[in-house]
PDB file of N, CA and C in Angstrom:
ATOM      1  N   MET A   1      29.279 -11.446 -17.612  1.00  0.00           N
ATOM      2  CA  MET A   1      28.696 -12.523 -18.497  1.00  0.00           C
ATOM      3  C   MET A   1      27.914 -12.037 -19.424  1.00  0.00           C
ATOM      4  N   SER A   2      28.362 -12.057 -20.687  1.00  0.00           N
ATOM      5  CA  SER A   2      27.477 -11.726 -21.818  1.00  0.00           C
ATOM      6  C   SER A   2      26.332 -12.753 -22.344  1.00  0.00           C
ATOM      7  N   SER A   3      25.362 -12.137 -22.864  1.00  0.00           N
ATOM      8  CA  SER A   3      24.088 -12.874 -23.467  1.00  0.00           C
ATOM      9  C   SER A   3      24.467 -14.184 -24.036  1.00  0.00           C
ATOM     10  N   THR A   4      25.656 -14.109 -24.988  1.00  0.00           N
ATOM     11  CA  THR A   4      25.920 -15.269 -25.613  1.00  0.00           C
ATOM     12  C   THR A   4      26.351 -16.506 -24.554  1.00  0.00           C
ATOM     13  N   ASP A   5      27.080 -16.077 -23.735  1.00  0.00           N
ATOM     14  CA  ASP A   5      27.399 -16.981 -22.618  1.00  0.00           C
ATOM     15  C   ASP A   5      26.282 -17.487 -21.966  1.00  0.00           C
ATOM     16  N   ILE A   6      25.336 -16.852 -21.815  1.00  0.00           N
ATOM     17  CA  ILE A   6      24.141 -17.245 -20.793  1.00  0.00           C
ATOM     18  C   ILE A   6      23.249 -18.224 -21.875  1.00  0.00           C
ATOM     19  N   GLU A   7      23.275 -17.758 -23.223  1.00  0.00           N
ATOM     20  CA  GLU A   7      22.426 -18.803 -24.438  1.00  0.00           C
ATOM     21  C   GLU A   7      23.134 -19.969 -24.346  1.00  0.00           C
ATOM     22  N   GLN A   8      24.368 -19.936 -24.604  1.00  0.00           N
ATOM     23  CA  GLN A   8      25.406 -21.168 -24.519  1.00  0.00           C
ATOM     24  C   GLN A   8      25.142 -22.246 -23.439  1.00  0.00           C
ATOM     25  N   ALA A   9      25.318 -21.241 -22.163  1.00  0.00           N
ATOM     26  CA  ALA A   9      24.721 -22.187 -20.994  1.00  0.00           C
ATOM     27  C   ALA A   9      23.471 -23.132 -20.911  1.00  0.00           C
ATOM     28  N   HIS A  10      22.557 -22.367 -21.628  1.00  0.00           N
ATOM     29  CA  HIS A  10      21.123 -23.203 -21.655  1.00  0.00           C
ATOM     30  C   HIS A  10      21.286 -24.316 -22.853  1.00  0.00           C
ATOM     31  N   THR A  11      22.196 -24.482 -23.759  1.00  0.00           N
ATOM     32  CA  THR A  11      22.415 -25.544 -24.577  1.00  0.00           C
ATOM     33  C   THR A  11      23.147 -26.396 -23.801  1.00  0.00           C
ATOM     34  N   PRO A  12      22.620 -27.808 -23.946  1.00  0.00           N
ATOM     35  CA  PRO A  12      23.272 -28.743 -23.344  1.00  0.00           C
ATOM     36  C   PRO A  12      24.819 -28.851 -23.814  1.00  0.00           C
ATOM     37  N   ALA A  13      25.896 -29.115 -23.052  1.00  0.00           N
ATOM     38  CA  ALA A  13      27.306 -29.377 -23.500  1.00  0.00           C
ATOM     39  C   ALA A  13      27.465 -30.282 -24.634  1.00  0.00           C
ATOM     40  N   LYS A  14      26.614 -31.656 -24.621  1.00  0.00           N
ATOM     41  CA  LYS A  14      26.838 -32.466 -25.514  1.00  0.00           C
ATOM     42  C   LYS A  14      26.680 -31.836 -27.174  1.00  0.00           C
ATOM     43  N   LYS A  15      25.530 -30.962 -27.002  1.00  0.00           N
ATOM     44  CA  LYS A  15      25.141 -30.714 -28.411  1.00  0.00           C
ATOM     45  C   LYS A  15      26.185 -29.562 -28.938  1.00  0.00           C
ATOM     46  N   ARG A  16      27.005 -29.029 -28.010  1.00  0.00           N
ATOM     47  CA  ARG A  16      27.876 -27.710 -28.446  1.00  0.00           C
ATOM     48  C   ARG A  16      29.241 -28.611 -28.718  1.00  0.00           C
ATOM     49  N   GLY A  17      29.068 -29.895 -28.420  1.00  0.00           N
ATOM     50  CA  GLY A  17      30.622 -30.687 -28.235  1.00  0.00           C
ATOM     51  C   GLY A  17      31.582 -30.267 -27.500  1.00  0.00           C
ATOM     52  N   GLU A  18      31.131 -29.908 -26.326  1.00  0.00           N
ATOM     53  CA  GLU A  18      32.165 -29.349 -25.422  1.00  0.00           C
ATOM     54  C   GLU A  18      31.742 -30.314 -24.093  1.00  0.00           C
ATOM     55  N   LYS A  19      33.030 -30.142 -23.133  1.00  0.00           N
ATOM     56  CA  LYS A  19      32.771 -30.608 -21.732  1.00  0.00           C
ATOM     57  C   LYS A  19      31.903 -29.663 -21.079  1.00  0.00           C
ATOM     58  N   LYS A  20      31.381 -30.627 -20.086  1.00  0.00           N
ATOM     59  CA  LYS A  20      30.342 -29.831 -19.040  1.00  0.00           C
ATOM     60  C   LYS A  20      31.054 -28.945 -18.216  1.00  0.00           C
ATOM     61  N   PRO A  21      30.821 -27.578 -17.789  1.00  0.00           N
ATOM     62  CA  PRO A  21      31.603 -26.899 -16.881  1.00  0.00           C
ATOM     63  C   PRO A  21      31.584 -27.733 -15.507  1.00  0.00           C
ATOM     64  N   ASN A  22      32.780 -27.189 -14.902  1.00  0.00           N
ATOM     65  CA  ASN A  22      32.729 -27.624 -13.411  1.00  0.00           C
ATOM     66  C   ASN A  22      31.815 -27.214 -12.584  1.00  0.00           C
ATOM     67  N   PHE A  23      31.713 -27.653 -11.564  1.00  0.00           N
ATOM     68  CA  PHE A  23      30.496 -27.556 -10.650  1.00  0.00           C
ATOM     69  C   PHE A  23      30.572 -26.212 -10.064  1.00  0.00           C
ATOM     70  N   VAL A  24      31.887 -25.564  -9.798  1.00  0.00           N
ATOM     71  CA  VAL A  24      31.994 -24.202  -9.316  1.00  0.00           C
ATOM     72  C   VAL A  24      31.451 -23.085 -10.372  1.00  0.00           C
ATOM     73  N   LEU A  25      31.955 -23.484 -11.614  1.00  0.00           N
ATOM     74  CA  LEU A  25      31.398 -22.542 -12.785  1.00  0.00           C
ATOM     75  C   LEU A  25      29.963 -22.409 -12.929  1.00  0.00           C
ATOM     76  N   ARG A  26      29.271 -23.856 -12.699  1.00  0.00           N
ATOM     77  CA  ARG A  26      27.937 -23.828 -12.726  1.00  0.00           C
ATOM     78  C   ARG A  26      27.181 -22.869 -11.840  1.00  0.00           C
ATOM     79  N   ILE A  27      27.735 -23.175 -10.543  1.00  0.00           N
ATOM     80  CA  ILE A  27      26.999 -22.352  -9.424  1.00  0.00           C
ATOM     81  C   ILE A  27      27.192 -20.853  -9.731  1.00  0.00           C
ATOM     82  N   ILE A  28      28.197 -20.364 -10.081  1.00  0.00           N
ATOM     83  CA  ILE A  28      28.519 -19.018 -10.402  1.00  0.00           C
ATOM     84  C   ILE A  28      27.465 -18.526 -11.581  1.00  0.00           C
ATOM     85  N   LEU A  29      27.480 -19.288 -12.378  1.00  0.00           N
ATOM     86  CA  LEU A  29      26.517 -18.853 -13.698  1.00  0.00           C
ATOM     87  C   LEU A  29      24.691 -18.980 -13.014  1.00  0.00           C
ATOM     88  N   PHE A  30      24.705 -20.065 -12.064  1.00  0.00           N
ATOM     89  CA  PHE A  30      23.307 -20.208 -11.587  1.00  0.00           C
ATOM     90  C   PHE A  30      23.061 -18.880 -10.780  1.00  0.00           C
ATOM     91  N   ILE A  31      24.150 -18.405 -10.058  1.00  0.00           N
ATOM     92  CA  ILE A  31      23.823 -17.019  -9.127  1.00  0.00           C
ATOM     93  C   ILE A  31      23.740 -15.933 -10.095  1.00  0.00           C
ATOM     94  N   LYS A  32      24.529 -15.807 -11.278  1.00  0.00           N
ATOM     95  CA  LYS A  32      24.198 -14.449 -11.975  1.00  0.00           C
ATOM     96  C   LYS A  32      22.988 -14.522 -12.714  1.00  0.00           C
ATOM     97  N   GLN A  33      22.354 -15.698 -13.062  1.00  0.00           N
ATOM     98  CA  GLN A  33      21.031 -15.690 -13.860  1.00  0.00           C
ATOM     99  C   GLN A  33      19.838 -15.603 -12.757  1.00  0.00           C
ATOM    100  N   VAL A  34      20.331 -15.940 -11.478  1.00  0.00           N
ATOM    101  CA  VAL A  34      19.338 -15.528 -10.464  1.00  0.00           C
ATOM    102  C   VAL A  34      19.263 -14.038 -10.355  1.00  0.00           C
ATOM    103  N   ILE A  35      20.322 -13.419 -10.132  1.00  0.00           N
ATOM    104  CA  ILE A  35      20.482 -11.929 -10.210  1.00  0.00           C
ATOM    105  C   ILE A  35      19.759 -11.221 -11.000  1.00  0.00           C
ATOM    106  N   ALA A  36      20.147 -11.859 -12.617  1.00  0.00           N
ATOM    107  CA  ALA A  36      19.526 -11.141 -13.601  1.00  0.00           C
ATOM    108  C   ALA A  36      17.824 -11.217 -13.680  1.00  0.00           C
ATOM    109  N   GLU A  37      17.353 -12.328 -13.048  1.00  0.00           N
ATOM    110  CA  GLU A  37      16.006 -12.557 -13.286  1.00  0.00           C
ATOM    111  C   GLU A  37      15.492 -11.601 -12.125  1.00  0.00           C
ATOM    112  N   LEU A  38      15.706 -11.403 -11.100  1.00  0.00           N
ATOM    113  CA  LEU A  38      15.584 -10.693  -9.572  1.00  0.00           C
ATOM    114  C   LEU A  38      15.542  -9.144 -10.146  1.00  0.00           C
ATOM    115  N   LYS A  39      16.170  -8.782 -11.186  1.00  0.00           N
ATOM    116  CA  LYS A  39      16.362  -7.463 -11.490  1.00  0.00           C
ATOM    117  C   LYS A  39      15.007  -7.192 -12.415  1.00  0.00           C
ATOM    118  N   LYS A  40      14.366  -7.986 -12.917  1.00  0.00           N
ATOM    119  CA  LYS A  40      13.308  -8.032 -13.656  1.00  0.00           C
ATOM    120  C   LYS A  40      11.916  -7.760 -12.981  1.00  0.00           C
ATOM    121  N   VAL A  41      12.048  -8.194 -11.626  1.00  0.00           N
ATOM    122  CA  VAL A  41      10.621  -8.119 -10.789  1.00  0.00           C
ATOM    123  C   VAL A  41      10.494  -6.745 -10.518  1.00  0.00           C
ATOM    124  N   ASN A  42       8.959  -6.689 -10.736  1.00  0.00           N
ATOM    125  CA  ASN A  42       8.580  -5.320 -10.398  1.00  0.00           C
ATOM    126  C   ASN A  42       7.555  -5.439  -9.133  1.00  0.00           C
ATOM    127  N   THR A  43       7.993  -4.480  -8.239  1.00  0.00           N
ATOM    128  CA  THR A  43       7.161  -4.475  -6.917  1.00  0.00           C
ATOM    129  C   THR A  43       5.786  -3.946  -7.206  1.00  0.00           C
ATOM    130  N   PRO A  44       4.828  -4.364  -6.562  1.00  0.00           N
ATOM    131  CA  PRO A  44       3.615  -3.838  -6.659  1.00  0.00           C
ATOM    132  C   PRO A  44       3.410  -2.511  -5.872  1.00  0.00           C
ATOM    133  N   THR A  45       2.447  -1.636  -6.408  1.00  0.00           N
ATOM    134  CA  THR A  45       2.311  -0.303  -5.477  1.00  0.00           C
ATOM    135  C   THR A  45       1.563  -0.517  -4.361  1.00  0.00           C
ATOM    136  N   TRP A  46       1.281   0.454  -3.595  1.00  0.00           N
ATOM    137  CA  TRP A  46       0.617   0.077  -2.433  1.00  0.00           C
ATOM    138  C   TRP A  46      -0.834  -0.005  -2.722  1.00  0.00           C
ATOM    139  N   LYS A  47      -1.362   0.634  -3.797  1.00  0.00           N
ATOM    140  CA  LYS A  47      -2.748   0.116  -4.132  1.00  0.00           C
ATOM    141  C   LYS A  47      -3.000  -0.923  -4.870  1.00  0.00           C
ATOM    142  N   GLN A  48      -2.130  -1.557  -5.660  1.00  0.00           N
ATOM    143  CA  GLN A  48      -1.975  -2.725  -6.139  1.00  0.00           C
ATOM    144  C   GLN A  48      -2.048  -3.805  -4.945  1.00  0.00           C
ATOM    145  N   LEU A  49      -0.983  -3.666  -4.083  1.00  0.00           N
ATOM    146  CA  LEU A  49      -0.737  -4.591  -2.692  1.00  0.00           C
ATOM    147  C   LEU A  49      -2.167  -4.708  -2.010  1.00  0.00           C
ATOM    148  N   ARG A  50      -2.910  -3.547  -1.852  1.00  0.00           N
ATOM    149  CA  ARG A  50      -4.125  -3.384  -1.078  1.00  0.00           C
ATOM    150  C   ARG A  50      -5.196  -4.154  -1.864  1.00  0.00           C
ATOM    151  N   ASN A  51      -5.431  -4.046  -3.037  1.00  0.00           N
ATOM    152  CA  ASN A  51      -6.470  -4.641  -4.094  1.00  0.00           C
ATOM    153  C   ASN A  51      -5.915  -6.215  -3.888  1.00  0.00           C
ATOM    154  N   TYR A  52      -4.951  -6.532  -4.107  1.00  0.00           N
ATOM    155  CA  TYR A  52      -4.529  -7.965  -4.049  1.00  0.00           C
ATOM    156  C   TYR A  52      -5.164  -8.624  -2.855  1.00  0.00           C
ATOM    157  N   PHE A  53      -4.597  -7.716  -1.681  1.00  0.00           N
ATOM    158  CA  PHE A  53      -4.730  -8.437  -0.242  1.00  0.00           C
ATOM    159  C   PHE A  53      -6.324  -8.640  -0.314  1.00  0.00           C
ATOM    160  N   PHE A  54      -7.255  -7.578  -0.687  1.00  0.00           N
ATOM    161  CA  PHE A  54      -8.697  -7.772  -0.367  1.00  0.00           C
ATOM    162  C   PHE A  54      -9.287  -8.781  -1.220  1.00  0.00           C
ATOM    163  N   VAL A  55      -8.672  -9.009  -2.678  1.00  0.00           N
ATOM    164  CA  VAL A  55      -9.206 -10.035  -3.484  1.00  0.00           C
ATOM    165  C   VAL A  55      -9.094 -11.634  -3.018  1.00  0.00           C
ATOM    166  N   VAL A  56      -7.759 -11.667  -2.260  1.00  0.00           N
ATOM    167  CA  VAL A  56      -7.380 -12.946  -1.699  1.00  0.00           C
ATOM    168  C   VAL A  56      -8.083 -13.157  -0.387  1.00  0.00           C
ATOM    169  N   LEU A  57      -8.439 -12.155   0.495  1.00  0.00           N
ATOM    170  CA  LEU A  57      -9.065 -12.024   1.763  1.00  0.00           C
ATOM    171  C   LEU A  57     -10.408 -12.726   1.251  1.00  0.00           C
ATOM    172  N   GLY A  58     -11.102 -11.960   0.191  1.00  0.00           N
ATOM    173  CA  GLY A  58     -12.596 -12.537  -0.129  1.00  0.00           C
ATOM    174  C   GLY A  58     -12.613 -13.580  -0.620  1.00  0.00           C
ATOM    175  N   PHE A  59     -11.723 -14.149  -1.476  1.00  0.00           N
ATOM    176  CA  PHE A  59     -11.574 -15.578  -1.723  1.00  0.00           C
ATOM    177  C   PHE A  59     -11.567 -16.508  -0.728  1.00  0.00           C
ATOM    178  N   VAL A  60     -10.702 -16.309   0.321  1.00  0.00           N
ATOM    179  CA  VAL A  60     -10.614 -17.248   1.455  1.00  0.00           C
ATOM    180  C   VAL A  60     -11.919 -17.097   2.085  1.00  0.00           C
ATOM    181  N   ILE A  61     -12.457 -16.071   2.438  1.00  0.00           N
ATOM    182  CA  ILE A  61     -13.969 -16.055   3.246  1.00  0.00           C
ATOM    183  C   ILE A  61     -14.916 -16.808   2.571  1.00  0.00           C
ATOM    184  N   VAL A  62     -14.900 -16.435   1.109  1.00  0.00           N
ATOM    185  CA  VAL A  62     -16.014 -17.521   0.360  1.00  0.00           C
ATOM    186  C   VAL A  62     -15.786 -18.912   0.396  1.00  0.00           C
ATOM    187  N   MET A  63     -14.599 -19.463   0.303  1.00  0.00           N
ATOM    188  CA  MET A  63     -13.970 -20.744   0.399  1.00  0.00           C
ATOM    189  C   MET A  63     -14.522 -21.398   1.741  1.00  0.00           C
ATOM    190  N   MET A  64     -14.042 -20.375   2.806  1.00  0.00           N
ATOM    191  CA  MET A  64     -14.374 -21.054   4.180  1.00  0.00           C
ATOM    192  C   MET A  64     -15.943 -21.283   4.458  1.00  0.00           C
ATOM    193  N   VAL A  65     -16.615 -20.352   3.869  1.00  0.00           N
ATOM    194  CA  VAL A  65     -18.285 -20.395   3.910  1.00  0.00           C
ATOM    195  C   VAL A  65     -18.612 -21.768   2.950  1.00  0.00           C
ATOM    196  N   PHE A  66     -18.147 -21.874   2.059  1.00  0.00           N
ATOM    197  CA  PHE A  66     -18.468 -23.010   1.113  1.00  0.00           C
ATOM    198  C   PHE A  66     -18.175 -24.261   1.934  1.00  0.00           C
ATOM    199  N   VAL A  67     -16.844 -24.236   2.535  1.00  0.00           N
ATOM    200  CA  VAL A  67     -16.371 -25.695   3.053  1.00  0.00           C
ATOM    201  C   VAL A  67     -17.302 -25.842   4.330  1.00  0.00           C
ATOM    202  N   THR A  68     -17.611 -24.774   5.015  1.00  0.00           N
ATOM    203  CA  THR A  68     -18.510 -24.953   6.259  1.00  0.00           C
ATOM    204  C   THR A  68     -19.975 -25.426   5.835  1.00  0.00           C
ATOM    205  N   LEU A  69     -20.514 -24.951   4.839  1.00  0.00           N
ATOM    206  CA  LEU A  69     -21.732 -25.467   4.403  1.00  0.00           C
ATOM    207  C   LEU A  69     -21.577 -26.886   3.985  1.00  0.00           C
ATOM    208  N   LEU A  70     -20.525 -27.225   3.217  1.00  0.00           N
ATOM    209  CA  LEU A  70     -20.371 -28.780   2.856  1.00  0.00           C
ATOM    210  C   LEU A  70     -20.256 -29.699   4.200  1.00  0.00           C
ATOM    211  N   ASP A  71     -19.401 -29.168   5.085  1.00  0.00           N
ATOM    212  CA  ASP A  71     -19.248 -29.824   6.406  1.00  0.00           C
ATOM    213  C   ASP A  71     -20.847 -30.162   6.963  1.00  0.00           C
ATOM    214  N   GLN A  72     -21.522 -29.105   6.973  1.00  0.00           N
ATOM    215  CA  GLN A  72     -22.835 -29.218   7.794  1.00  0.00           C
ATOM    216  C   GLN A  72     -23.647 -30.127   6.913  1.00  0.00           C
ATOM    217  N   LEU A  73     -23.632 -29.840   5.730  1.00  0.00           N
ATOM    218  CA  LEU A  73     -24.547 -30.926   4.931  1.00  0.00           C
ATOM    219  C   LEU A  73     -24.067 -32.367   4.947  1.00  0.00           C
ATOM    220  N   PHE A  74     -22.810 -32.563   4.991  1.00  0.00           N
ATOM    221  CA  PHE A  74     -22.542 -33.974   5.121  1.00  0.00           C
ATOM    222  C   PHE A  74     -22.707 -34.603   6.589  1.00  0.00           C
ATOM    223  N   GLY A  75     -22.509 -33.465   7.627  1.00  0.00           N
ATOM    224  CA  GLY A  75     -22.979 -34.032   9.114  1.00  0.00           C
ATOM    225  C   GLY A  75     -24.369 -34.131   8.962  1.00  0.00           C
ATOM    226  N   PHE A  76     -25.414 -33.531   8.498  1.00  0.00           N
ATOM    227  CA  PHE A  76     -26.832 -33.878   8.564  1.00  0.00           C
ATOM    228  C   PHE A  76     -27.220 -34.967   7.749  1.00  0.00           C
ATOM    229  N   LEU A  77     -26.454 -35.099   6.436  1.00  0.00           N
ATOM    230  CA  LEU A  77     -26.707 -36.542   5.930  1.00  0.00           C
ATOM    231  C   LEU A  77     -26.094 -37.743   6.871  1.00  0.00           C
ATOM    232  N   THR A  78     -25.014 -37.689   7.428  1.00  0.00           N
ATOM    233  CA  THR A  78     -24.407 -38.960   8.229  1.00  0.00           C
ATOM    234  C   THR A  78     -25.431 -39.040   9.396  1.00  0.00           C
ATOM    235  N   LEU A  79     -26.085 -38.141   9.894  1.00  0.00           N
ATOM    236  CA  LEU A  79     -26.935 -38.409  11.012  1.00  0.00           C
ATOM    237  C   LEU A  79     -28.152 -38.767  10.461  1.00  0.00           C
ATOM    238  N   PHE A  80     -28.636 -38.389   9.161  1.00  0.00           N
ATOM    239  CA  PHE A  80     -29.797 -38.907   8.623  1.00  0.00           C
ATOM    240  C   PHE A  80     -29.616 -40.531   8.296  1.00  0.00           C
ATOM    241  N   VAL A  81     -28.439 -40.781   7.998  1.00  0.00           N
ATOM    242  CA  VAL A  81     -28.368 -42.348   7.353  1.00  0.00           C
ATOM    243  C   VAL A  81     -28.142 -43.096   8.674  1.00  0.00           C
ATOM    244  N   PHE A  82     -27.244 -42.915   9.717  1.00  0.00           N
ATOM    245  CA  PHE A  82     -27.039 -43.666  10.489  1.00  0.00           C
ATOM    246  C   PHE A  82     -27.532 -43.284  12.069  1.00  0.00           C
ATOM    247  N   GLY A  83     -28.441 -42.436  12.006  1.00  0.00           N
ATOM    248  CA  GLY A  83     -29.391 -42.090  13.133  1.00  0.00           C
ATOM    249  C   GLY A  83     -28.656 -40.855  14.144  1.00  0.00           C
ATOM    250  N   THR A  84     -29.114 -40.891  15.133  1.00  0.00           N
ATOM    251  CA  THR A  84     -28.565 -40.005  16.132  1.00  0.00           C
ATOM    252  C   THR A  84     -27.553 -40.315  16.639  1.00  0.00           C
ATOM    253  N   ALA A  85     -26.460 -39.237  17.083  1.00  0.00           N
ATOM    254  CA  ALA A  85     -25.302 -39.334  17.428  1.00  0.00           C
ATOM    255  C   ALA A  85     -25.496 -40.027  18.879  1.00  0.00           C
ATOM    256  N   VAL A  86     -24.331 -40.611  19.596  1.00  0.00           N
ATOM    257  CA  VAL A  86     -24.636 -41.394  20.823  1.00  0.00           C
ATOM    258  C   VAL A  86     -24.184 -40.301  21.843  1.00  0.00           C
TER     259      VAL A  86
END
């Protein structure tokens, strides 16, 4: 499939004055486009992957501490407003 075919596939059939391609042709076009996009994907190196892992892990730990502190604060405020727990 040439790049012109792909460009035409992105243009609605009504604008081109053509009938809409049948279901099977649209599925085939979709699969070809998916494969073309997957060929553009770059897999990260081991060093990049390790760095991404630690950045995400650090962010998750910071968010866990933040949510824990908020939970404790709201717990203390609730006890202060409504008295001691039963």
